[in-house]
Amino acid sequence: MTGELGGSETANIGERHPEYTYFVDGKLYRSESSALTGAQIKARIPDFNPQYQLVLESRDGKPDKIISNEETVDLNVHPPCQFYIAPPATFGQ
């Protein structure tokens, strides 16, 4: 070999896992996973009220999107995802 490593070999060198960031109500969160479900994101928010909704702020003029517990969000984007928490009765008003 000429010193080049294949894809599976590079994982064994002890590389640091990439870190993905996102924001909820302006607070920075970090994850080693490139994607999280709505439930996983909500679980990291202190005192999250389960009656409230997790909303992903839009990009490119699209409408904001309510993220369900089962829905997966790709965090491997730039700029980082911006979420906010909204009481169910206030979304879309």
PDB file of N, CA and C in Angstrom:
ATOM      1  N   MET A   1       0.838  -1.195   0.000  1.00  0.00           N
ATOM      2  CA  MET A   1       0.000   0.000   0.000  1.00  0.00           C
ATOM      3  C   MET A   1       0.872   1.242   0.000  1.00  0.00           C
ATOM      4  N   THR A   2       0.326   2.322  -0.483  1.00  0.00           N
ATOM      5  CA  THR A   2       1.097   3.553  -0.584  1.00  0.00           C
ATOM      6  C   THR A   2       0.781   4.541   0.526  1.00  0.00           C
ATOM      7  N   GLY A   3       0.176   4.076   1.603  1.00  0.00           N
ATOM      8  CA  GLY A   3      -0.126   4.972   2.711  1.00  0.00           C
ATOM      9  C   GLY A   3      -1.543   5.515   2.689  1.00  0.00           C
ATOM     10  N   GLU A   4      -2.289   5.187   1.664  1.00  0.00           N
ATOM     11  CA  GLU A   4      -3.672   5.636   1.617  1.00  0.00           C
ATOM     12  C   GLU A   4      -4.548   4.659   2.378  1.00  0.00           C
ATOM     13  N   LEU A   5      -5.535   5.193   3.068  1.00  0.00           N
ATOM     14  CA  LEU A   5      -6.431   4.344   3.848  1.00  0.00           C
ATOM     15  C   LEU A   5      -7.787   4.290   3.182  1.00  0.00           C
ATOM     16  N   GLY A   6      -8.408   3.127   3.238  1.00  0.00           N
ATOM     17  CA  GLY A   6      -9.774   2.981   2.738  1.00  0.00           C
ATOM     18  C   GLY A   6     -10.759   3.551   3.735  1.00  0.00           C
ATOM     19  N   GLY A   7     -12.020   3.615   3.340  1.00  0.00           N
ATOM     20  CA  GLY A   7     -13.054   4.215   4.181  1.00  0.00           C
ATOM     21  C   GLY A   7     -13.183   3.571   5.543  1.00  0.00           C
ATOM     22  N   SER A   8     -13.194   2.231   5.633  1.00  0.00           N
ATOM     23  CA  SER A   8     -13.380   1.588   6.930  1.00  0.00           C
ATOM     24  C   SER A   8     -12.124   1.703   7.786  1.00  0.00           C
ATOM     25  N   GLU A   9     -10.966   1.805   7.166  1.00  0.00           N
ATOM     26  CA  GLU A   9      -9.734   1.914   7.925  1.00  0.00           C
ATOM     27  C   GLU A   9      -9.601   3.266   8.615  1.00  0.00           C
ATOM     28  N   THR A  10     -10.132   4.312   8.011  1.00  0.00           N
ATOM     29  CA  THR A  10      -9.995   5.633   8.627  1.00  0.00           C
ATOM     30  C   THR A  10     -10.789   5.733   9.918  1.00  0.00           C
ATOM     31  N   ALA A  11     -11.856   4.967  10.056  1.00  0.00           N
ATOM     32  CA  ALA A  11     -12.675   5.030  11.263  1.00  0.00           C
ATOM     33  C   ALA A  11     -11.939   4.436  12.453  1.00  0.00           C
ATOM     34  N   ASN A  12     -10.942   3.628  12.225  1.00  0.00           N
ATOM     35  CA  ASN A  12     -10.229   2.980  13.318  1.00  0.00           C
ATOM     36  C   ASN A  12      -9.075   3.803  13.858  1.00  0.00           C
ATOM     37  N   ILE A  13      -8.804   4.926  13.287  1.00  0.00           N
ATOM     38  CA  ILE A  13      -7.667   5.730  13.711  1.00  0.00           C
ATOM     39  C   ILE A  13      -7.989   6.545  14.961  1.00  0.00           C
ATOM     40  N   GLY A  14      -9.215   6.544  15.405  1.00  0.00           N
ATOM     41  CA  GLY A  14      -9.578   7.316  16.585  1.00  0.00           C
ATOM     42  C   GLY A  14      -9.943   8.739  16.228  1.00  0.00           C
ATOM     43  N   GLU A  15     -10.476   8.916  15.039  1.00  0.00           N
ATOM     44  CA  GLU A  15     -10.891  10.252  14.630  1.00  0.00           C
ATOM     45  C   GLU A  15     -11.981  10.765  15.553  1.00  0.00           C
ATOM     46  N   ARG A  16     -11.996  12.045  15.751  1.00  0.00           N
ATOM     47  CA  ARG A  16     -13.053  12.677  16.523  1.00  0.00           C
ATOM     48  C   ARG A  16     -14.318  12.702  15.678  1.00  0.00           C
ATOM     49  N   HIS A  17     -15.442  12.371  16.297  1.00  0.00           N
ATOM     50  CA  HIS A  17     -16.710  12.394  15.583  1.00  0.00           C
ATOM     51  C   HIS A  17     -17.076  13.834  15.242  1.00  0.00           C
ATOM     52  N   PRO A  18     -17.649  14.051  14.084  1.00  0.00           N
ATOM     53  CA  PRO A  18     -18.075  15.413  13.751  1.00  0.00           C
ATOM     54  C   PRO A  18     -19.172  15.861  14.710  1.00  0.00           C
ATOM     55  N   GLU A  19     -19.290  17.137  14.864  1.00  0.00           N
ATOM     56  CA  GLU A  19     -20.298  17.695  15.755  1.00  0.00           C
ATOM     57  C   GLU A  19     -21.254  18.532  14.928  1.00  0.00           C
ATOM     58  N   TYR A  20     -22.534  18.314  15.146  1.00  0.00           N
ATOM     59  CA  TYR A  20     -23.581  19.039  14.434  1.00  0.00           C
ATOM     60  C   TYR A  20     -24.273  19.957  15.435  1.00  0.00           C
ATOM     61  N   THR A  21     -24.577  21.153  14.993  1.00  0.00           N
ATOM     62  CA  THR A  21     -25.204  22.111  15.887  1.00  0.00           C
ATOM     63  C   THR A  21     -26.590  22.489  15.374  1.00  0.00           C
ATOM     64  N   TYR A  22     -27.426  22.904  16.319  1.00  0.00           N
ATOM     65  CA  TYR A  22     -28.748  23.426  16.008  1.00  0.00           C
ATOM     66  C   TYR A  22     -29.166  24.330  17.162  1.00  0.00           C
ATOM     67  N   PHE A  23     -30.193  25.114  16.957  1.00  0.00           N
ATOM     68  CA  PHE A  23     -30.661  26.056  17.965  1.00  0.00           C
ATOM     69  C   PHE A  23     -32.131  25.806  18.268  1.00  0.00           C
ATOM     70  N   VAL A  24     -32.494  25.926  19.547  1.00  0.00           N
ATOM     71  CA  VAL A  24     -33.892  25.896  19.961  1.00  0.00           C
ATOM     72  C   VAL A  24     -34.127  27.148  20.793  1.00  0.00           C
ATOM     73  N   ASP A  25     -35.039  27.990  20.329  1.00  0.00           N
ATOM     74  CA  ASP A  25     -35.317  29.269  20.990  1.00  0.00           C
ATOM     75  C   ASP A  25     -34.030  30.043  21.269  1.00  0.00           C
ATOM     76  N   GLY A  26     -33.111  30.000  20.310  1.00  0.00           N
ATOM     77  CA  GLY A  26     -31.873  30.759  20.406  1.00  0.00           C
ATOM     78  C   GLY A  26     -30.762  30.096  21.203  1.00  0.00           C
ATOM     79  N   LYS A  27     -31.036  28.964  21.843  1.00  0.00           N
ATOM     80  CA  LYS A  27     -30.016  28.268  22.630  1.00  0.00           C
ATOM     81  C   LYS A  27     -29.323  27.223  21.755  1.00  0.00           C
ATOM     82  N   LEU A  28     -27.998  27.212  21.794  1.00  0.00           N
ATOM     83  CA  LEU A  28     -27.187  26.293  21.004  1.00  0.00           C
ATOM     84  C   LEU A  28     -27.204  24.894  21.606  1.00  0.00           C
ATOM     85  N   TYR A  29     -27.413  23.895  20.748  1.00  0.00           N
ATOM     86  CA  TYR A  29     -27.316  22.485  21.119  1.00  0.00           C
ATOM     87  C   TYR A  29     -26.333  21.820  20.173  1.00  0.00           C
ATOM     88  N   ARG A  30     -25.677  20.773  20.658  1.00  0.00           N
ATOM     89  CA  ARG A  30     -24.705  20.036  19.854  1.00  0.00           C
ATOM     90  C   ARG A  30     -25.064  18.556  19.863  1.00  0.00           C
ATOM     91  N   SER A  31     -24.753  17.884  18.752  1.00  0.00           N
ATOM     92  CA  SER A  31     -25.034  16.462  18.624  1.00  0.00           C
ATOM     93  C   SER A  31     -23.935  15.808  17.805  1.00  0.00           C
ATOM     94  N   GLU A  32     -23.595  14.573  18.152  1.00  0.00           N
ATOM     95  CA  GLU A  32     -22.664  13.799  17.323  1.00  0.00           C
ATOM     96  C   GLU A  32     -23.415  13.117  16.189  1.00  0.00           C
ATOM     97  N   SER A  33     -24.747  13.080  16.275  1.00  0.00           N
ATOM     98  CA  SER A  33     -25.565  12.482  15.214  1.00  0.00           C
ATOM     99  C   SER A  33     -25.907  13.541  14.182  1.00  0.00           C
ATOM    100  N   SER A  34     -25.880  13.150  12.920  1.00  0.00           N
ATOM    101  CA  SER A  34     -26.201  14.100  11.852  1.00  0.00           C
ATOM    102  C   SER A  34     -27.704  14.262  11.662  1.00  0.00           C
ATOM    103  N   ALA A  35     -28.491  13.436  12.325  1.00  0.00           N
ATOM    104  CA  ALA A  35     -29.944  13.537  12.250  1.00  0.00           C
ATOM    105  C   ALA A  35     -30.538  13.120  13.587  1.00  0.00           C
ATOM    106  N   LEU A  36     -31.586  13.818  14.000  1.00  0.00           N
ATOM    107  CA  LEU A  36     -32.293  13.501  15.241  1.00  0.00           C
ATOM    108  C   LEU A  36     -33.789  13.521  14.975  1.00  0.00           C
ATOM    109  N   THR A  37     -34.528  12.752  15.762  1.00  0.00           N
ATOM    110  CA  THR A  37     -35.983  12.804  15.664  1.00  0.00           C
ATOM    111  C   THR A  37     -36.500  13.967  16.509  1.00  0.00           C
ATOM    112  N   GLY A  38     -37.735  14.336  16.260  1.00  0.00           N
ATOM    113  CA  GLY A  38     -38.369  15.367  17.083  1.00  0.00           C
ATOM    114  C   GLY A  38     -38.332  14.991  18.554  1.00  0.00           C
ATOM    115  N   ALA A  39     -38.586  13.715  18.863  1.00  0.00           N
ATOM    116  CA  ALA A  39     -38.563  13.255  20.258  1.00  0.00           C
ATOM    117  C   ALA A  39     -37.174  13.417  20.873  1.00  0.00           C
ATOM    118  N   GLN A  40     -36.127  13.119  20.111  1.00  0.00           N
ATOM    119  CA  GLN A  40     -34.766  13.263  20.635  1.00  0.00           C
ATOM    120  C   GLN A  40     -34.434  14.728  20.900  1.00  0.00           C
ATOM    121  N   ILE A  41     -34.856  15.611  20.032  1.00  0.00           N
ATOM    122  CA  ILE A  41     -34.600  17.039  20.226  1.00  0.00           C
ATOM    123  C   ILE A  41     -35.359  17.535  21.455  1.00  0.00           C
ATOM    124  N   LYS A  42     -36.632  17.169  21.554  1.00  0.00           N
ATOM    125  CA  LYS A  42     -37.455  17.595  22.695  1.00  0.00           C
ATOM    126  C   LYS A  42     -36.888  17.085  24.011  1.00  0.00           C
ATOM    127  N   ALA A  43     -36.343  15.859  24.016  1.00  0.00           N
ATOM    128  CA  ALA A  43     -35.792  15.268  25.239  1.00  0.00           C
ATOM    129  C   ALA A  43     -34.606  16.062  25.778  1.00  0.00           C
ATOM    130  N   ARG A  44     -33.931  16.811  24.945  1.00  0.00           N
ATOM    131  CA  ARG A  44     -32.765  17.586  25.370  1.00  0.00           C
ATOM    132  C   ARG A  44     -33.136  18.968  25.884  1.00  0.00           C
ATOM    133  N   ILE A  45     -34.394  19.365  25.714  1.00  0.00           N
ATOM    134  CA  ILE A  45     -34.834  20.699  26.130  1.00  0.00           C
ATOM    135  C   ILE A  45     -35.306  20.627  27.572  1.00  0.00           C
ATOM    136  N   PRO A  46     -34.653  21.376  28.481  1.00  0.00           N
ATOM    137  CA  PRO A  46     -35.058  21.329  29.884  1.00  0.00           C
ATOM    138  C   PRO A  46     -36.524  21.746  30.062  1.00  0.00           C
ATOM    139  N   ASP A  47     -37.250  20.968  30.861  1.00  0.00           N
ATOM    140  CA  ASP A  47     -38.641  21.272  31.212  1.00  0.00           C
ATOM    141  C   ASP A  47     -39.541  21.441  29.993  1.00  0.00           C
ATOM    142  N   PHE A  48     -39.290  20.674  28.942  1.00  0.00           N
ATOM    143  CA  PHE A  48     -40.135  20.786  27.757  1.00  0.00           C
ATOM    144  C   PHE A  48     -41.555  20.360  28.089  1.00  0.00           C
ATOM    145  N   ASN A  49     -42.522  21.195  27.750  1.00  0.00           N
ATOM    146  CA  ASN A  49     -43.930  20.906  27.970  1.00  0.00           C
ATOM    147  C   ASN A  49     -44.431  20.072  26.786  1.00  0.00           C
ATOM    148  N   PRO A  50     -44.853  18.815  27.014  1.00  0.00           N
ATOM    149  CA  PRO A  50     -45.271  17.964  25.900  1.00  0.00           C
ATOM    150  C   PRO A  50     -46.513  18.464  25.160  1.00  0.00           C
ATOM    151  N   GLN A  51     -47.215  19.426  25.715  1.00  0.00           N
ATOM    152  CA  GLN A  51     -48.357  20.015  25.022  1.00  0.00           C
ATOM    153  C   GLN A  51     -47.909  21.004  23.946  1.00  0.00           C
ATOM    154  N   TYR A  52     -46.651  21.432  24.016  1.00  0.00           N
ATOM    155  CA  TYR A  52     -46.123  22.400  23.055  1.00  0.00           C
ATOM    156  C   TYR A  52     -45.609  21.689  21.815  1.00  0.00           C
ATOM    157  N   GLN A  53     -45.338  22.460  20.794  1.00  0.00           N
ATOM    158  CA  GLN A  53     -44.868  21.924  19.527  1.00  0.00           C
ATOM    159  C   GLN A  53     -43.447  22.395  19.241  1.00  0.00           C
ATOM    160  N   LEU A  54     -42.682  21.520  18.611  1.00  0.00           N
ATOM    161  CA  LEU A  54     -41.347  21.856  18.126  1.00  0.00           C
ATOM    162  C   LEU A  54     -41.509  22.284  16.674  1.00  0.00           C
ATOM    163  N   VAL A  55     -41.046  23.481  16.356  1.00  0.00           N
ATOM    164  CA  VAL A  55     -41.235  24.034  15.015  1.00  0.00           C
ATOM    165  C   VAL A  55     -39.880  24.355  14.405  1.00  0.00           C
ATOM    166  N   LEU A  56     -39.675  23.885  13.175  1.00  0.00           N
ATOM    167  CA  LEU A  56     -38.453  24.163  12.425  1.00  0.00           C
ATOM    168  C   LEU A  56     -38.686  25.426  11.602  1.00  0.00           C
ATOM    169  N   GLU A  57     -37.829  26.441  11.809  1.00  0.00           N
ATOM    170  CA  GLU A  57     -37.954  27.676  11.037  1.00  0.00           C
ATOM    171  C   GLU A  57     -37.643  27.399   9.573  1.00  0.00           C
ATOM    172  N   SER A  58     -38.358  28.083   8.723  1.00  0.00           N
ATOM    173  CA  SER A  58     -38.241  27.846   7.284  1.00  0.00           C
ATOM    174  C   SER A  58     -36.936  28.361   6.710  1.00  0.00           C
ATOM    175  N   ARG A  59     -36.626  27.821   5.549  1.00  0.00           N
ATOM    176  CA  ARG A  59     -35.513  28.291   4.725  1.00  0.00           C
ATOM    177  C   ARG A  59     -36.101  28.601   3.356  1.00  0.00           C
ATOM    178  N   ASP A  60     -35.557  29.547   2.687  1.00  0.00           N
ATOM    179  CA  ASP A  60     -35.961  29.862   1.315  1.00  0.00           C
ATOM    180  C   ASP A  60     -37.435  30.241   1.188  1.00  0.00           C
ATOM    181  N   GLY A  61     -37.977  30.892   2.198  1.00  0.00           N
ATOM    182  CA  GLY A  61     -39.343  31.381   2.121  1.00  0.00           C
ATOM    183  C   GLY A  61     -40.421  30.332   2.279  1.00  0.00           C
ATOM    184  N   LYS A  62     -40.060  29.110   2.577  1.00  0.00           N
ATOM    185  CA  LYS A  62     -41.055  28.068   2.809  1.00  0.00           C
ATOM    186  C   LYS A  62     -41.691  28.281   4.186  1.00  0.00           C
ATOM    187  N   PRO A  63     -42.888  27.731   4.420  1.00  0.00           N
ATOM    188  CA  PRO A  63     -43.520  27.879   5.734  1.00  0.00           C
ATOM    189  C   PRO A  63     -42.751  27.116   6.816  1.00  0.00           C
ATOM    190  N   ASP A  64     -42.822  27.622   8.054  1.00  0.00           N
ATOM    191  CA  ASP A  64     -42.248  26.893   9.179  1.00  0.00           C
ATOM    192  C   ASP A  64     -42.955  25.550   9.289  1.00  0.00           C
ATOM    193  N   LYS A  65     -42.276  24.559   9.868  1.00  0.00           N
ATOM    194  CA  LYS A  65     -42.812  23.198   9.889  1.00  0.00           C
ATOM    195  C   LYS A  65     -42.832  22.638  11.297  1.00  0.00           C
ATOM    196  N   ILE A  66     -43.991  22.133  11.725  1.00  0.00           N
ATOM    197  CA  ILE A  66     -44.096  21.430  13.001  1.00  0.00           C
ATOM    198  C   ILE A  66     -43.398  20.082  12.838  1.00  0.00           C
ATOM    199  N   ILE A  67     -42.522  19.748  13.788  1.00  0.00           N
ATOM    200  CA  ILE A  67     -41.779  18.500  13.749  1.00  0.00           C
ATOM    201  C   ILE A  67     -42.413  17.522  14.739  1.00  0.00           C
ATOM    202  N   SER A  68     -42.908  16.403  14.227  1.00  0.00           N
ATOM    203  CA  SER A  68     -43.510  15.388  15.093  1.00  0.00           C
ATOM    204  C   SER A  68     -42.416  14.611  15.817  1.00  0.00           C
ATOM    205  N   ASN A  69     -42.818  13.853  16.826  1.00  0.00           N
ATOM    206  CA  ASN A  69     -41.853  13.051  17.579  1.00  0.00           C
ATOM    207  C   ASN A  69     -41.123  12.047  16.690  1.00  0.00           C
ATOM    208  N   GLU A  70     -41.803  11.500  15.697  1.00  0.00           N
ATOM    209  CA  GLU A  70     -41.230  10.455  14.849  1.00  0.00           C
ATOM    210  C   GLU A  70     -40.426  11.006  13.680  1.00  0.00           C
ATOM    211  N   GLU A  71     -40.621  12.261  13.359  1.00  0.00           N
ATOM    212  CA  GLU A  71     -39.964  12.846  12.186  1.00  0.00           C
ATOM    213  C   GLU A  71     -38.469  13.054  12.438  1.00  0.00           C
ATOM    214  N   THR A  72     -37.665  12.736  11.438  1.00  0.00           N
ATOM    215  CA  THR A  72     -36.218  12.908  11.530  1.00  0.00           C
ATOM    216  C   THR A  72     -35.814  14.202  10.827  1.00  0.00           C
ATOM    217  N   VAL A  73     -34.924  14.943  11.487  1.00  0.00           N
ATOM    218  CA  VAL A  73     -34.432  16.205  10.940  1.00  0.00           C
ATOM    219  C   VAL A  73     -32.951  16.054  10.637  1.00  0.00           C
ATOM    220  N   ASP A  74     -32.552  16.416   9.431  1.00  0.00           N
ATOM    221  CA  ASP A  74     -31.150  16.382   9.015  1.00  0.00           C
ATOM    222  C   ASP A  74     -30.444  17.603   9.597  1.00  0.00           C
ATOM    223  N   LEU A  75     -29.448  17.363  10.435  1.00  0.00           N
ATOM    224  CA  LEU A  75     -28.690  18.455  11.053  1.00  0.00           C
ATOM    225  C   LEU A  75     -27.432  18.807  10.270  1.00  0.00           C
ATOM    226  N   ASN A  76     -27.165  18.067   9.211  1.00  0.00           N
ATOM    227  CA  ASN A  76     -25.967  18.291   8.407  1.00  0.00           C
ATOM    228  C   ASN A  76     -26.261  19.356   7.347  1.00  0.00           C
ATOM    229  N   VAL A  77     -26.607  20.550   7.817  1.00  0.00           N
ATOM    230  CA  VAL A  77     -26.953  21.668   6.938  1.00  0.00           C
ATOM    231  C   VAL A  77     -26.249  22.928   7.429  1.00  0.00           C
ATOM    232  N   HIS A  78     -26.116  23.873   6.508  1.00  0.00           N
ATOM    233  CA  HIS A  78     -25.534  25.167   6.867  1.00  0.00           C
ATOM    234  C   HIS A  78     -26.395  26.257   6.240  1.00  0.00           C
ATOM    235  N   PRO A  79     -26.791  27.254   6.995  1.00  0.00           N
ATOM    236  CA  PRO A  79     -26.565  27.438   8.429  1.00  0.00           C
ATOM    237  C   PRO A  79     -27.338  26.406   9.240  1.00  0.00           C
ATOM    238  N   PRO A  80     -27.005  26.274  10.532  1.00  0.00           N
ATOM    239  CA  PRO A  80     -27.651  25.269  11.378  1.00  0.00           C
ATOM    240  C   PRO A  80     -29.163  25.469  11.461  1.00  0.00           C
ATOM    241  N   CYS A  81     -29.868  24.372  11.722  1.00  0.00           N
ATOM    242  CA  CYS A  81     -31.321  24.414  11.900  1.00  0.00           C
ATOM    243  C   CYS A  81     -31.677  25.306  13.081  1.00  0.00           C
ATOM    244  N   GLN A  82     -32.761  26.020  12.920  1.00  0.00           N
ATOM    245  CA  GLN A  82     -33.298  26.889  13.963  1.00  0.00           C
ATOM    246  C   GLN A  82     -34.704  26.387  14.290  1.00  0.00           C
ATOM    247  N   PHE A  83     -34.915  26.011  15.544  1.00  0.00           N
ATOM    248  CA  PHE A  83     -36.215  25.553  16.008  1.00  0.00           C
ATOM    249  C   PHE A  83     -36.758  26.545  17.026  1.00  0.00           C
ATOM    250  N   TYR A  84     -38.056  26.514  17.209  1.00  0.00           N
ATOM    251  CA  TYR A  84     -38.657  27.229  18.331  1.00  0.00           C
ATOM    252  C   TYR A  84     -39.793  26.397  18.895  1.00  0.00           C
ATOM    253  N   ILE A  85     -40.151  26.699  20.120  1.00  0.00           N
ATOM    254  CA  ILE A  85     -41.222  26.001  20.828  1.00  0.00           C
ATOM    255  C   ILE A  85     -42.448  26.894  20.808  1.00  0.00           C
ATOM    256  N   ALA A  86     -43.600  26.312  20.462  1.00  0.00           N
ATOM    257  CA  ALA A  86     -44.833  27.096  20.384  1.00  0.00           C
ATOM    258  C   ALA A  86     -45.990  26.322  21.009  1.00  0.00           C
ATOM    259  N   PRO A  87     -46.820  27.027  21.774  1.00  0.00           N
ATOM    260  CA  PRO A  87     -48.047  26.379  22.248  1.00  0.00           C
ATOM    261  C   PRO A  87     -48.888  25.995  21.038  1.00  0.00           C
ATOM    262  N   PRO A  88     -49.590  24.855  21.061  1.00  0.00           N
ATOM    263  CA  PRO A  88     -50.315  24.384  19.879  1.00  0.00           C
ATOM    264  C   PRO A  88     -51.321  25.379  19.317  1.00  0.00           C
ATOM    265  N   ALA A  89     -51.956  26.158  20.157  1.00  0.00           N
ATOM    266  CA  ALA A  89     -52.995  27.074  19.686  1.00  0.00           C
ATOM    267  C   ALA A  89     -52.428  28.290  18.976  1.00  0.00           C
ATOM    268  N   THR A  90     -51.112  28.554  19.084  1.00  0.00           N
ATOM    269  CA  THR A  90     -50.558  29.775  18.499  1.00  0.00           C
ATOM    270  C   THR A  90     -49.895  29.558  17.151  1.00  0.00           C
ATOM    271  N   PHE A  91     -49.629  28.309  16.765  1.00  0.00           N
ATOM    272  CA  PHE A  91     -48.913  28.080  15.511  1.00  0.00           C
ATOM    273  C   PHE A  91     -49.808  28.417  14.338  1.00  0.00           C
ATOM    274  N   GLY A  92     -49.249  29.185  13.386  1.00  0.00           N
ATOM    275  CA  GLY A  92     -49.979  29.542  12.190  1.00  0.00           C
ATOM    276  C   GLY A  92     -50.847  30.772  12.316  1.00  0.00           C
ATOM    277  N   GLN A  93     -50.799  31.425  13.449  1.00  0.00           N
ATOM    278  CA  GLN A  93     -51.613  32.638  13.619  1.00  0.00           C
ATOM    279  C   GLN A  93     -50.797  33.865  13.281  1.00  0.00           C
TER     280      GLN A  93
END
